PDB file of N, CA and C in Angstrom:
ATOM      1  N   ASP A   1     130.907 120.462 137.904  1.00  0.00           N
ATOM      2  CA  ASP A   1     129.592 120.955 138.278  1.00  0.00           C
ATOM      3  C   ASP A   1     129.573 121.327 139.751  1.00  0.00           C
ATOM      4  N   LYS A   2     129.027 122.501 140.021  1.00  0.00           N
ATOM      5  CA  LYS A   2     128.933 122.966 141.391  1.00  0.00           C
ATOM      6  C   LYS A   2     127.527 122.715 141.907  1.00  0.00           C
ATOM      7  N   THR A   3     127.408 122.172 143.081  1.00  0.00           N
ATOM      8  CA  THR A   3     126.115 121.980 143.707  1.00  0.00           C
ATOM      9  C   THR A   3     125.759 123.236 144.482  1.00  0.00           C
ATOM     10  N   LEU A   4     124.571 123.768 144.221  1.00  0.00           N
ATOM     11  CA  LEU A   4     124.118 124.960 144.923  1.00  0.00           C
ATOM     12  C   LEU A   4     123.413 124.564 146.201  1.00  0.00           C
ATOM     13  N   THR A   5     123.606 125.355 147.234  1.00  0.00           N
ATOM     14  CA  THR A   5     122.930 125.113 148.502  1.00  0.00           C
ATOM     15  C   THR A   5     121.770 126.081 148.649  1.00  0.00           C
ATOM     16  N   ILE A   6     120.887 125.786 149.583  1.00  0.00           N
ATOM     17  CA  ILE A   6     119.737 126.650 149.823  1.00  0.00           C
ATOM     18  C   ILE A   6     120.178 128.046 150.235  1.00  0.00           C
ATOM     19  N   ASP A   7     121.309 128.160 150.935  1.00  0.00           N
ATOM     20  CA  ASP A   7     121.811 129.468 151.361  1.00  0.00           C
ATOM     21  C   ASP A   7     122.167 130.353 150.175  1.00  0.00           C
ATOM     22  N   GLU A   8     122.571 129.757 149.072  1.00  0.00           N
ATOM     23  CA  GLU A   8     122.908 130.544 147.889  1.00  0.00           C
ATOM     24  C   GLU A   8     121.656 131.068 147.194  1.00  0.00           C
ATOM     25  N   PHE A   9     120.543 130.372 147.364  1.00  0.00           N
ATOM     26  CA  PHE A   9     119.291 130.835 146.775  1.00  0.00           C
ATOM     27  C   PHE A   9     118.603 131.874 147.647  1.00  0.00           C
ATOM     28  N   TYR A  10     118.823 131.810 148.942  1.00  0.00           N
ATOM     29  CA  TYR A  10     118.174 132.719 149.883  1.00  0.00           C
ATOM     30  C   TYR A  10     119.233 133.472 150.680  1.00  0.00           C
ATOM     31  N   PRO A  11     119.726 134.581 150.142  1.00  0.00           N
ATOM     32  CA  PRO A  11     120.727 135.355 150.878  1.00  0.00           C
ATOM     33  C   PRO A  11     120.168 135.797 152.231  1.00  0.00           C
ATOM     34  N   GLU A  12     121.039 135.925 153.195  1.00  0.00           N
ATOM     35  CA  GLU A  12     120.639 136.328 154.544  1.00  0.00           C
ATOM     36  C   GLU A  12     120.027 137.717 154.549  1.00  0.00           C
ATOM     37  N   GLU A  13     118.913 137.849 155.256  1.00  0.00           N
ATOM     38  CA  GLU A  13     118.286 139.144 155.517  1.00  0.00           C
ATOM     39  C   GLU A  13     118.194 140.049 154.290  1.00  0.00           C
ATOM     40  N   THR A  14     117.532 139.610 153.273  1.00  0.00           N
ATOM     41  CA  THR A  14     117.365 140.439 152.081  1.00  0.00           C
ATOM     42  C   THR A  14     116.325 141.520 152.296  1.00  0.00           C
ATOM     43  N   GLY A  15     115.506 141.385 153.338  1.00  0.00           N
ATOM     44  CA  GLY A  15     114.461 142.358 153.583  1.00  0.00           C
ATOM     45  C   GLY A  15     113.242 142.136 152.698  1.00  0.00           C
ATOM     46  N   SER A  16     113.229 141.057 151.950  1.00  0.00           N
ATOM     47  CA  SER A  16     112.126 140.772 151.041  1.00  0.00           C
ATOM     48  C   SER A  16     111.852 139.281 151.028  1.00  0.00           C
ATOM     49  N   ASP A  17     110.580 138.959 150.896  1.00  0.00           N
ATOM     50  CA  ASP A  17     110.193 137.551 150.797  1.00  0.00           C
ATOM     51  C   ASP A  17     109.940 137.154 149.351  1.00  0.00           C
ATOM     52  N   ILE A  18     110.438 137.923 148.410  1.00  0.00           N
ATOM     53  CA  ILE A  18     110.147 137.683 147.002  1.00  0.00           C
ATOM     54  C   ILE A  18     110.606 136.295 146.551  1.00  0.00           C
ATOM     55  N   ALA A  19     111.662 135.776 147.145  1.00  0.00           N
ATOM     56  CA  ALA A  19     112.190 134.487 146.704  1.00  0.00           C
ATOM     57  C   ALA A  19     111.815 133.354 147.663  1.00  0.00           C
ATOM     58  N   ARG A  20     110.856 133.597 148.523  1.00  0.00           N
ATOM     59  CA  ARG A  20     110.452 132.563 149.483  1.00  0.00           C
ATOM     60  C   ARG A  20     109.264 131.776 148.950  1.00  0.00           C
ATOM     61  N   LEU A  21     109.328 130.488 149.078  1.00  0.00           N
ATOM     62  CA  LEU A  21     108.235 129.613 148.663  1.00  0.00           C
ATOM     63  C   LEU A  21     107.181 129.587 149.762  1.00  0.00           C
ATOM     64  N   PRO A  22     105.934 129.936 149.448  1.00  0.00           N
ATOM     65  CA  PRO A  22     104.880 129.858 150.459  1.00  0.00           C
ATOM     66  C   PRO A  22     104.708 128.419 150.937  1.00  0.00           C
ATOM     67  N   ARG A  23     104.312 128.254 152.183  1.00  0.00           N
ATOM     68  CA  ARG A  23     104.129 126.910 152.744  1.00  0.00           C
ATOM     69  C   ARG A  23     103.134 126.090 151.939  1.00  0.00           C
ATOM     70  N   GLU A  24     102.108 126.759 151.406  1.00  0.00           N
ATOM     71  CA  GLU A  24     101.078 126.043 150.643  1.00  0.00           C
ATOM     72  C   GLU A  24     101.493 125.764 149.211  1.00  0.00           C
ATOM     73  N   GLY A  25     102.697 126.198 148.831  1.00  0.00           N
ATOM     74  CA  GLY A  25     103.169 126.009 147.465  1.00  0.00           C
ATOM     75  C   GLY A  25     102.667 127.129 146.577  1.00  0.00           C
ATOM     76  N   MET A  26     102.970 127.034 145.290  1.00  0.00           N
ATOM     77  CA  MET A  26     102.568 128.094 144.374  1.00  0.00           C
ATOM     78  C   MET A  26     102.620 127.601 142.944  1.00  0.00           C
ATOM     79  N   ASP A  27     101.951 128.330 142.071  1.00  0.00           N
ATOM     80  CA  ASP A  27     102.006 128.077 140.636  1.00  0.00           C
ATOM     81  C   ASP A  27     103.150 128.932 140.093  1.00  0.00           C
ATOM     82  N   LEU A  28     104.320 128.343 139.971  1.00  0.00           N
ATOM     83  CA  LEU A  28     105.516 129.085 139.581  1.00  0.00           C
ATOM     84  C   LEU A  28     105.364 129.727 138.212  1.00  0.00           C
ATOM     85  N   ARG A  29     104.809 129.017 137.261  1.00  0.00           N
ATOM     86  CA  ARG A  29     104.654 129.565 135.911  1.00  0.00           C
ATOM     87  C   ARG A  29     103.799 130.835 135.935  1.00  0.00           C
ATOM     88  N   LYS A  30     102.669 130.805 136.651  1.00  0.00           N
ATOM     89  CA  LYS A  30     101.800 131.981 136.750  1.00  0.00           C
ATOM     90  C   LYS A  30     102.525 133.124 137.454  1.00  0.00           C
ATOM     91  N   TYR A  31     103.224 132.814 138.523  1.00  0.00           N
ATOM     92  CA  TYR A  31     103.961 133.821 139.288  1.00  0.00           C
ATOM     93  C   TYR A  31     104.991 134.523 138.402  1.00  0.00           C
ATOM     94  N   LEU A  32     105.772 133.754 137.658  1.00  0.00           N
ATOM     95  CA  LEU A  32     106.791 134.335 136.785  1.00  0.00           C
ATOM     96  C   LEU A  32     106.160 135.115 135.636  1.00  0.00           C
ATOM     97  N   ASN A  33     105.071 134.607 135.078  1.00  0.00           N
ATOM     98  CA  ASN A  33     104.368 135.337 134.020  1.00  0.00           C
ATOM     99  C   ASN A  33     103.830 136.665 134.534  1.00  0.00           C
ATOM    100  N   ASP A  34     103.287 136.669 135.755  1.00  0.00           N
ATOM    101  CA  ASP A  34     102.779 137.910 136.344  1.00  0.00           C
ATOM    102  C   ASP A  34     103.897 138.932 136.522  1.00  0.00           C
ATOM    103  N   ILE A  35     105.051 138.475 136.997  1.00  0.00           N
ATOM    104  CA  ILE A  35     106.197 139.372 137.166  1.00  0.00           C
ATOM    105  C   ILE A  35     106.630 139.917 135.813  1.00  0.00           C
ATOM    106  N   GLU A  36     106.750 139.038 134.821  1.00  0.00           N
ATOM    107  CA  GLU A  36     107.173 139.462 133.488  1.00  0.00           C
ATOM    108  C   GLU A  36     106.196 140.489 132.915  1.00  0.00           C
ATOM    109  N   CYS A  37     104.914 140.232 133.037  1.00  0.00           N
ATOM    110  CA  CYS A  37     103.898 141.142 132.517  1.00  0.00           C
ATOM    111  C   CYS A  37     103.987 142.503 133.210  1.00  0.00           C
ATOM    112  N   ASP A  38     104.137 142.505 134.525  1.00  0.00           N
ATOM    113  CA  ASP A  38     104.258 143.763 135.267  1.00  0.00           C
ATOM    114  C   ASP A  38     105.489 144.554 134.831  1.00  0.00           C
ATOM    115  N   LEU A  39     106.617 143.875 134.641  1.00  0.00           N
ATOM    116  CA  LEU A  39     107.836 144.565 134.215  1.00  0.00           C
ATOM    117  C   LEU A  39     107.692 145.127 132.805  1.00  0.00           C
ATOM    118  N   ILE A  40     107.016 144.399 131.935  1.00  0.00           N
ATOM    119  CA  ILE A  40     106.773 144.887 130.576  1.00  0.00           C
ATOM    120  C   ILE A  40     105.910 146.141 130.628  1.00  0.00           C
ATOM    121  N   LYS A  41     104.860 146.128 131.447  1.00  0.00           N
ATOM    122  CA  LYS A  41     103.995 147.304 131.583  1.00  0.00           C
ATOM    123  C   LYS A  41     104.786 148.507 132.093  1.00  0.00           C
ATOM    124  N   GLN A  42     105.653 148.279 133.083  1.00  0.00           N
ATOM    125  CA  GLN A  42     106.474 149.365 133.617  1.00  0.00           C
ATOM    126  C   GLN A  42     107.399 149.927 132.548  1.00  0.00           C
ATOM    127  N   ALA A  43     108.046 149.043 131.803  1.00  0.00           N
ATOM    128  CA  ALA A  43     108.973 149.485 130.759  1.00  0.00           C
ATOM    129  C   ALA A  43     108.239 150.274 129.683  1.00  0.00           C
ATOM    130  N   LEU A  44     107.061 149.810 129.285  1.00  0.00           N
ATOM    131  CA  LEU A  44     106.274 150.537 128.287  1.00  0.00           C
ATOM    132  C   LEU A  44     105.854 151.903 128.807  1.00  0.00           C
ATOM    133  N   ASP A  45     105.476 151.964 130.070  1.00  0.00           N
ATOM    134  CA  ASP A  45     105.083 153.236 130.667  1.00  0.00           C
ATOM    135  C   ASP A  45     106.265 154.207 130.676  1.00  0.00           C
ATOM    136  N   GLU A  46     107.424 153.732 131.115  1.00  0.00           N
ATOM    137  CA  GLU A  46     108.622 154.574 131.158  1.00  0.00           C
ATOM    138  C   GLU A  46     109.075 154.987 129.766  1.00  0.00           C
ATOM    139  N   ALA A  47     108.773 154.165 128.766  1.00  0.00           N
ATOM    140  CA  ALA A  47     109.164 154.456 127.381  1.00  0.00           C
ATOM    141  C   ALA A  47     108.041 155.170 126.622  1.00  0.00           C
ATOM    142  N   ASN A  48     107.026 155.638 127.357  1.00  0.00           N
ATOM    143  CA  ASN A  48     105.894 156.339 126.743  1.00  0.00           C
ATOM    144  C   ASN A  48     105.248 155.524 125.630  1.00  0.00           C
ATOM    145  N   GLY A  49     105.197 154.213 125.815  1.00  0.00           N
ATOM    146  CA  GLY A  49     104.537 153.338 124.858  1.00  0.00           C
ATOM    147  C   GLY A  49     105.365 152.967 123.644  1.00  0.00           C
ATOM    148  N   VAL A  50     106.599 153.441 123.574  1.00  0.00           N
ATOM    149  CA  VAL A  50     107.457 153.134 122.422  1.00  0.00           C
ATOM    150  C   VAL A  50     108.080 151.757 122.646  1.00  0.00           C
ATOM    151  N   VAL A  51     107.639 150.799 121.858  1.00  0.00           N
ATOM    152  CA  VAL A  51     108.035 149.404 122.052  1.00  0.00           C
ATOM    153  C   VAL A  51     109.546 149.225 121.936  1.00  0.00           C
ATOM    154  N   ALA A  52     110.165 149.858 120.965  1.00  0.00           N
ATOM    155  CA  ALA A  52     111.616 149.709 120.777  1.00  0.00           C
ATOM    156  C   ALA A  52     112.374 150.194 122.010  1.00  0.00           C
ATOM    157  N   HIS A  53     111.924 151.296 122.607  1.00  0.00           N
ATOM    158  CA  HIS A  53     112.597 151.817 123.801  1.00  0.00           C
ATOM    159  C   HIS A  53     112.352 150.917 125.009  1.00  0.00           C
ATOM    160  N   ALA A  54     111.133 150.413 125.123  1.00  0.00           N
ATOM    161  CA  ALA A  54     110.818 149.487 126.214  1.00  0.00           C
ATOM    162  C   ALA A  54     111.652 148.215 126.086  1.00  0.00           C
ATOM    163  N   ALA A  55     111.800 147.727 124.863  1.00  0.00           N
ATOM    164  CA  ALA A  55     112.615 146.530 124.632  1.00  0.00           C
ATOM    165  C   ALA A  55     114.054 146.774 125.063  1.00  0.00           C
ATOM    166  N   ASN A  56     114.584 147.953 124.755  1.00  0.00           N
ATOM    167  CA  ASN A  56     115.950 148.285 125.185  1.00  0.00           C
ATOM    168  C   ASN A  56     116.057 148.278 126.700  1.00  0.00           C
ATOM    169  N   LYS A  57     115.068 148.833 127.390  1.00  0.00           N
ATOM    170  CA  LYS A  57     115.082 148.854 128.856  1.00  0.00           C
ATOM    171  C   LYS A  57     115.093 147.439 129.433  1.00  0.00           C
ATOM    172  N   LEU A  58     114.400 146.533 128.745  1.00  0.00           N
ATOM    173  CA  LEU A  58     114.308 145.149 129.214  1.00  0.00           C
ATOM    174  C   LEU A  58     115.410 144.256 128.654  1.00  0.00           C
ATOM    175  N   ARG A  59     116.270 144.855 127.831  1.00  0.00           N
ATOM    176  CA  ARG A  59     117.353 144.127 127.160  1.00  0.00           C
ATOM    177  C   ARG A  59     116.814 142.949 126.352  1.00  0.00           C
ATOM    178  N   LEU A  60     115.738 143.246 125.608  1.00  0.00           N
ATOM    179  CA  LEU A  60     115.128 142.273 124.707  1.00  0.00           C
ATOM    180  C   LEU A  60     115.185 142.815 123.293  1.00  0.00           C
ATOM    181  N   ARG A  61     115.083 141.926 122.328  1.00  0.00           N
ATOM    182  CA  ARG A  61     114.876 142.375 120.954  1.00  0.00           C
ATOM    183  C   ARG A  61     113.450 142.890 120.857  1.00  0.00           C
ATOM    184  N   ARG A  62     113.250 143.863 119.990  1.00  0.00           N
ATOM    185  CA  ARG A  62     111.914 144.433 119.819  1.00  0.00           C
ATOM    186  C   ARG A  62     110.913 143.352 119.429  1.00  0.00           C
ATOM    187  N   THR A  63     111.322 142.465 118.536  1.00  0.00           N
ATOM    188  CA  THR A  63     110.407 141.409 118.081  1.00  0.00           C
ATOM    189  C   THR A  63     110.026 140.463 119.223  1.00  0.00           C
ATOM    190  N   THR A  64     110.956 140.210 120.122  1.00  0.00           N
ATOM    191  CA  THR A  64     110.657 139.370 121.287  1.00  0.00           C
ATOM    192  C   THR A  64     109.637 140.058 122.178  1.00  0.00           C
ATOM    193  N   LEU A  65     109.811 141.362 122.377  1.00  0.00           N
ATOM    194  CA  LEU A  65     108.849 142.097 123.193  1.00  0.00           C
ATOM    195  C   LEU A  65     107.474 142.106 122.529  1.00  0.00           C
ATOM    196  N   VAL A  66     107.431 142.261 121.219  1.00  0.00           N
ATOM    197  CA  VAL A  66     106.150 142.232 120.501  1.00  0.00           C
ATOM    198  C   VAL A  66     105.457 140.883 120.727  1.00  0.00           C
ATOM    199  N   GLU A  67     106.209 139.792 120.694  1.00  0.00           N
ATOM    200  CA  GLU A  67     105.637 138.463 120.960  1.00  0.00           C
ATOM    201  C   GLU A  67     105.066 138.389 122.375  1.00  0.00           C
ATOM    202  N   LYS A  68     105.787 138.955 123.328  1.00  0.00           N
ATOM    203  CA  LYS A  68     105.327 138.937 124.714  1.00  0.00           C
ATOM    204  C   LYS A  68     104.093 139.821 124.890  1.00  0.00           C
ATOM    205  N   LEU A  69     104.026 140.923 124.163  1.00  0.00           N
ATOM    206  CA  LEU A  69     102.839 141.780 124.215  1.00  0.00           C
ATOM    207  C   LEU A  69     101.617 140.996 123.752  1.00  0.00           C
ATOM    208  N   ARG A  70     101.794 140.228 122.692  1.00  0.00           N
ATOM    209  CA  ARG A  70     100.701 139.373 122.203  1.00  0.00           C
ATOM    210  C   ARG A  70     100.333 138.324 123.247  1.00  0.00           C
ATOM    211  N   LYS A  71     101.349 137.690 123.815  1.00  0.00           N
ATOM    212  CA  LYS A  71     101.134 136.636 124.814  1.00  0.00           C
ATOM    213  C   LYS A  71     100.278 137.138 125.977  1.00  0.00           C
ATOM    214  N   TYR A  72     100.543 138.365 126.434  1.00  0.00           N
ATOM    215  CA  TYR A  72      99.837 138.911 127.591  1.00  0.00           C
ATOM    216  C   TYR A  72      98.633 139.768 127.208  1.00  0.00           C
ATOM    217  N   GLY A  73      98.364 139.872 125.915  1.00  0.00           N
ATOM    218  CA  GLY A  73      97.214 140.647 125.471  1.00  0.00           C
ATOM    219  C   GLY A  73      97.365 142.136 125.696  1.00  0.00           C
ATOM    220  N   LEU A  74      98.595 142.617 125.684  1.00  0.00           N
ATOM    221  CA  LEU A  74      98.854 144.043 125.868  1.00  0.00           C
ATOM    222  C   LEU A  74      98.864 144.728 124.513  1.00  0.00           C
ATOM    223  N   GLN A  75      98.329 145.921 124.464  1.00  0.00           N
ATOM    224  CA  GLN A  75      98.262 146.666 123.216  1.00  0.00           C
ATOM    225  C   GLN A  75      99.525 147.488 123.022  1.00  0.00           C
ATOM    226  N   LYS A  76     100.005 147.505 121.797  1.00  0.00           N
ATOM    227  CA  LYS A  76     101.126 148.367 121.443  1.00  0.00           C
ATOM    228  C   LYS A  76     100.555 149.730 121.096  1.00  0.00           C
ATOM    229  N   THR A  77     101.200 150.779 121.609  1.00  0.00           N
ATOM    230  CA  THR A  77     100.788 152.136 121.252  1.00  0.00           C
ATOM    231  C   THR A  77     102.011 152.944 120.892  1.00  0.00           C
ATOM    232  N   ASP A  78     101.869 153.807 119.914  1.00  0.00           N
ATOM    233  CA  ASP A  78     102.944 154.717 119.512  1.00  0.00           C
ATOM    234  C   ASP A  78     104.242 153.993 119.216  1.00  0.00           C
ATOM    235  N   GLU A  79     104.159 152.846 118.551  1.00  0.00           N
ATOM    236  CA  GLU A  79     105.364 152.067 118.259  1.00  0.00           C
ATOM    237  C   GLU A  79     106.256 152.812 117.280  1.00  0.00           C
ATOM    238  N   VAL A  80     107.520 152.909 117.649  1.00  0.00           N
ATOM    239  CA  VAL A  80     108.536 153.494 116.783  1.00  0.00           C
ATOM    240  C   VAL A  80     109.633 152.459 116.652  1.00  0.00           C
ATOM    241  N   THR A  81     110.033 152.156 115.413  1.00  0.00           N
ATOM    242  CA  THR A  81     111.077 151.139 115.225  1.00  0.00           C
ATOM    243  C   THR A  81     112.360 151.765 114.770  1.00  0.00           C
TER     244      THR A  81
END
């Protein structure tokens, strides 16, 4: 087993604070869900609403993406399987 150090989690000068923990802390589950939901919306937009194509972009099974759409209350449009 390899022990990871903080330096491995925070590469030097990434130019982004995306992986930085705010001093006041955060709700990690909500943060990750928000990111996942945003990426799903982007993939659906790029796939013109075709769930199967969006799933391919996200490297998910179509059925998994359908479950996530339900989870986030997103509507499926123009689904092609």
